[in-house]
């Protein structure tokens, strides 16, 4: 599995997950300022799973009926460490 960390996803968590061998593309590192729609389009095109603290993704995907939506893992709690 490959992941796309949204701009709000903590850098220490990205580093931790990469150290375990996961492939993670970071919006913050490479594509700052991308809109939620651009993040969804990128995830769909590259078959990535979005990691985010932003609950707007579910609204965008379902409200606007995006065909073949990407998977989204929504985190609610930012802990003290990764």
N, C-alpha and C. Protein backbone atom coordinates (compact mmCIF):
# COMPACT_ATOMS: atom_id res chain seq x y z
N UNK A 1 0.83 -1.18 0.00
CA UNK A 1 0.00 0.00 0.00
C UNK A 1 0.88 1.25 0.00
N UNK A 2 0.40 2.25 -0.69
CA UNK A 2 1.10 3.53 -0.71
C UNK A 2 0.15 4.60 -0.19
N UNK A 3 0.71 5.57 0.49
CA UNK A 3 -0.10 6.57 1.17
C UNK A 3 0.24 7.98 0.71
N UNK A 4 -0.73 8.87 0.88
CA UNK A 4 -0.57 10.29 0.60
C UNK A 4 -0.93 11.03 1.87
N UNK A 5 0.07 11.60 2.54
CA UNK A 5 -0.16 12.34 3.78
C UNK A 5 -0.61 13.75 3.45
N UNK A 6 -1.79 14.11 3.91
CA UNK A 6 -2.31 15.44 3.68
C UNK A 6 -1.40 16.48 4.35
N UNK A 7 -1.56 17.72 3.96
CA UNK A 7 -0.70 18.79 4.47
C UNK A 7 -0.73 18.91 5.99
N UNK A 8 -1.84 18.53 6.61
CA UNK A 8 -1.97 18.65 8.07
C UNK A 8 -1.45 17.42 8.83
N UNK A 9 -0.95 16.43 8.12
CA UNK A 9 -0.48 15.22 8.79
C UNK A 9 0.91 15.48 9.36
N UNK A 10 1.14 15.20 10.64
CA UNK A 10 2.40 15.56 11.31
C UNK A 10 3.65 14.93 10.71
N UNK A 11 4.66 15.74 10.50
CA UNK A 11 5.94 15.26 9.95
C UNK A 11 6.57 14.14 10.77
N UNK A 12 6.55 14.22 12.12
CA UNK A 12 7.13 13.11 12.90
C UNK A 12 6.41 11.78 12.63
N UNK A 13 5.12 11.84 12.39
CA UNK A 13 4.37 10.62 12.09
C UNK A 13 4.75 10.07 10.72
N UNK A 14 4.96 10.97 9.76
CA UNK A 14 5.39 10.55 8.43
C UNK A 14 6.75 9.85 8.53
N UNK A 15 7.68 10.47 9.25
CA UNK A 15 9.01 9.87 9.43
C UNK A 15 8.93 8.51 10.10
N UNK A 16 8.10 8.41 11.13
CA UNK A 16 7.93 7.15 11.84
C UNK A 16 7.40 6.07 10.90
N UNK A 17 6.37 6.37 10.14
CA UNK A 17 5.77 5.40 9.23
C UNK A 17 6.74 5.00 8.11
N UNK A 18 7.49 5.97 7.61
CA UNK A 18 8.50 5.66 6.58
C UNK A 18 9.56 4.71 7.14
N UNK A 19 9.93 4.91 8.40
CA UNK A 19 10.95 4.06 9.03
C UNK A 19 10.48 2.61 9.14
N UNK A 20 9.17 2.39 9.12
CA UNK A 20 8.64 1.03 9.16
C UNK A 20 8.55 0.41 7.78
N UNK A 21 8.90 1.21 6.75
CA UNK A 21 8.92 0.68 5.39
C UNK A 21 7.75 1.10 4.52
N UNK A 22 6.84 1.90 5.05
CA UNK A 22 5.70 2.34 4.25
C UNK A 22 6.12 3.44 3.29
N UNK A 23 5.51 3.43 2.11
CA UNK A 23 5.76 4.47 1.11
C UNK A 23 4.74 5.59 1.30
N UNK A 24 5.24 6.78 1.64
CA UNK A 24 4.35 7.91 1.92
C UNK A 24 4.82 9.12 1.14
N UNK A 25 3.91 9.69 0.36
CA UNK A 25 4.13 10.97 -0.31
C UNK A 25 3.51 12.03 0.59
N UNK A 26 4.23 13.11 0.80
CA UNK A 26 3.75 14.16 1.70
C UNK A 26 3.36 15.41 0.91
N UNK A 27 2.12 15.83 1.06
CA UNK A 27 1.66 17.07 0.44
C UNK A 27 2.46 18.24 1.00
N UNK A 28 2.71 18.24 2.31
CA UNK A 28 3.45 19.33 2.95
C UNK A 28 4.85 19.47 2.35
N UNK A 29 5.52 18.35 2.11
CA UNK A 29 6.88 18.39 1.59
C UNK A 29 6.96 18.76 0.12
N UNK A 30 6.00 18.29 -0.67
CA UNK A 30 6.13 18.41 -2.13
C UNK A 30 5.10 19.30 -2.83
N UNK A 31 3.92 19.43 -2.25
CA UNK A 31 2.84 20.11 -2.96
C UNK A 31 2.06 21.06 -2.05
N UNK A 32 2.76 21.84 -1.26
CA UNK A 32 2.07 22.76 -0.33
C UNK A 32 1.06 23.62 -1.05
N UNK A 33 -0.08 23.79 -0.41
CA UNK A 33 -1.12 24.64 -0.97
C UNK A 33 -2.09 23.93 -1.89
N UNK A 34 -1.90 22.63 -2.11
CA UNK A 34 -2.86 21.87 -2.92
C UNK A 34 -4.23 21.95 -2.26
N UNK A 35 -5.26 22.10 -3.06
CA UNK A 35 -6.63 22.07 -2.53
C UNK A 35 -7.01 20.62 -2.22
N UNK A 36 -8.09 20.45 -1.45
CA UNK A 36 -8.56 19.10 -1.14
C UNK A 36 -8.90 18.34 -2.43
N UNK A 37 -9.46 19.05 -3.40
CA UNK A 37 -9.81 18.41 -4.67
C UNK A 37 -8.55 17.93 -5.41
N UNK A 38 -7.50 18.72 -5.38
CA UNK A 38 -6.25 18.33 -6.02
C UNK A 38 -5.63 17.12 -5.32
N UNK A 39 -5.74 17.08 -4.00
CA UNK A 39 -5.23 15.94 -3.23
C UNK A 39 -5.99 14.67 -3.63
N UNK A 40 -7.31 14.78 -3.73
CA UNK A 40 -8.13 13.63 -4.13
C UNK A 40 -7.77 13.18 -5.53
N UNK A 41 -7.63 14.12 -6.46
CA UNK A 41 -7.27 13.78 -7.84
C UNK A 41 -5.92 13.07 -7.89
N UNK A 42 -4.95 13.57 -7.14
CA UNK A 42 -3.63 12.97 -7.11
C UNK A 42 -3.70 11.55 -6.54
N UNK A 43 -4.44 11.39 -5.44
CA UNK A 43 -4.57 10.07 -4.82
C UNK A 43 -5.24 9.08 -5.78
N UNK A 44 -6.25 9.54 -6.50
CA UNK A 44 -6.92 8.66 -7.46
C UNK A 44 -5.97 8.26 -8.59
N UNK A 45 -5.27 9.24 -9.14
CA UNK A 45 -4.39 9.00 -10.28
C UNK A 45 -3.25 8.04 -9.93
N UNK A 46 -2.74 8.15 -8.70
CA UNK A 46 -1.59 7.34 -8.29
C UNK A 46 -1.97 6.16 -7.40
N UNK A 47 -3.28 6.00 -7.17
CA UNK A 47 -3.80 4.90 -6.35
C UNK A 47 -3.21 4.92 -4.94
N UNK A 48 -3.31 6.09 -4.30
CA UNK A 48 -2.79 6.30 -2.95
C UNK A 48 -3.93 6.38 -1.95
N UNK A 49 -3.65 6.02 -0.72
CA UNK A 49 -4.61 6.15 0.37
C UNK A 49 -4.27 7.44 1.12
N UNK A 50 -5.27 8.31 1.30
CA UNK A 50 -5.04 9.60 1.95
C UNK A 50 -5.03 9.43 3.47
N UNK A 51 -4.03 10.01 4.12
CA UNK A 51 -3.93 10.09 5.58
C UNK A 51 -4.20 11.54 5.96
N UNK A 52 -5.19 11.80 6.81
CA UNK A 52 -5.55 13.17 7.09
C UNK A 52 -6.24 13.35 8.44
N UNK A 53 -6.23 14.59 8.90
CA UNK A 53 -7.03 15.00 10.06
C UNK A 53 -8.19 15.87 9.60
N UNK A 54 -8.37 16.01 8.30
CA UNK A 54 -9.38 16.89 7.70
C UNK A 54 -10.62 16.09 7.33
N UNK A 55 -11.73 16.34 8.02
CA UNK A 55 -12.94 15.58 7.75
C UNK A 55 -13.68 16.02 6.50
N UNK A 56 -13.19 17.05 5.82
CA UNK A 56 -13.83 17.52 4.59
C UNK A 56 -13.77 16.50 3.46
N UNK A 57 -12.80 15.60 3.50
CA UNK A 57 -12.65 14.64 2.40
C UNK A 57 -13.88 13.76 2.24
N UNK A 58 -14.44 13.28 3.33
CA UNK A 58 -15.63 12.43 3.21
C UNK A 58 -16.79 13.22 2.61
N UNK A 59 -16.93 14.48 3.02
CA UNK A 59 -18.00 15.30 2.46
C UNK A 59 -17.81 15.51 0.96
N UNK A 60 -16.59 15.81 0.56
CA UNK A 60 -16.31 16.03 -0.86
C UNK A 60 -16.60 14.76 -1.66
N UNK A 61 -16.11 13.64 -1.18
CA UNK A 61 -16.27 12.38 -1.91
C UNK A 61 -17.73 11.99 -2.04
N UNK A 62 -18.49 12.07 -0.95
CA UNK A 62 -19.87 11.61 -0.98
C UNK A 62 -20.85 12.66 -1.48
N UNK A 63 -20.69 13.88 -1.06
CA UNK A 63 -21.61 14.94 -1.46
C UNK A 63 -21.55 15.20 -2.96
N UNK A 64 -20.34 15.16 -3.50
CA UNK A 64 -20.18 15.46 -4.92
C UNK A 64 -20.09 14.21 -5.79
N UNK A 65 -20.27 13.05 -5.18
CA UNK A 65 -20.35 11.80 -5.92
C UNK A 65 -19.14 11.49 -6.77
N UNK A 66 -17.96 11.64 -6.20
CA UNK A 66 -16.74 11.37 -6.95
C UNK A 66 -16.69 9.89 -7.31
N UNK A 67 -16.53 9.62 -8.60
CA UNK A 67 -16.50 8.25 -9.09
C UNK A 67 -15.21 7.57 -8.66
N UNK A 68 -15.31 6.32 -8.28
CA UNK A 68 -14.15 5.52 -7.85
C UNK A 68 -13.28 6.28 -6.85
N UNK A 69 -13.87 6.67 -5.73
CA UNK A 69 -13.09 7.48 -4.77
C UNK A 69 -11.93 6.71 -4.17
N UNK A 70 -10.92 7.45 -3.83
CA UNK A 70 -9.78 6.88 -3.14
C UNK A 70 -10.16 6.57 -1.70
N UNK A 71 -9.39 5.75 -1.04
CA UNK A 71 -9.61 5.49 0.37
C UNK A 71 -9.03 6.63 1.20
N UNK A 72 -9.67 6.91 2.33
CA UNK A 72 -9.22 7.97 3.23
C UNK A 72 -9.18 7.41 4.64
N UNK A 73 -8.05 7.60 5.30
CA UNK A 73 -7.94 7.26 6.72
C UNK A 73 -7.97 8.58 7.48
N UNK A 74 -9.03 8.76 8.25
CA UNK A 74 -9.27 10.01 8.98
C UNK A 74 -8.87 9.83 10.43
N UNK A 75 -7.93 10.65 10.87
CA UNK A 75 -7.47 10.62 12.26
C UNK A 75 -8.16 11.75 13.03
N UNK A 76 -8.55 11.49 14.26
CA UNK A 76 -9.24 12.49 15.05
C UNK A 76 -8.40 13.05 16.17
N UNK A 77 -7.39 12.34 16.60
CA UNK A 77 -6.63 12.76 17.78
C UNK A 77 -5.16 12.87 17.44
N UNK A 78 -4.58 14.02 17.71
CA UNK A 78 -3.15 14.20 17.52
C UNK A 78 -2.49 13.97 18.87
N UNK A 79 -1.79 12.86 18.99
CA UNK A 79 -1.14 12.52 20.24
C UNK A 79 0.15 13.30 20.45
N UNK A 80 0.83 12.99 21.50
CA UNK A 80 2.08 13.66 21.83
C UNK A 80 3.27 13.17 21.02
N UNK A 81 3.16 11.94 20.48
CA UNK A 81 4.26 11.38 19.69
C UNK A 81 3.66 10.53 18.57
N UNK A 82 4.47 10.21 17.55
CA UNK A 82 3.96 9.39 16.44
C UNK A 82 3.44 8.05 16.91
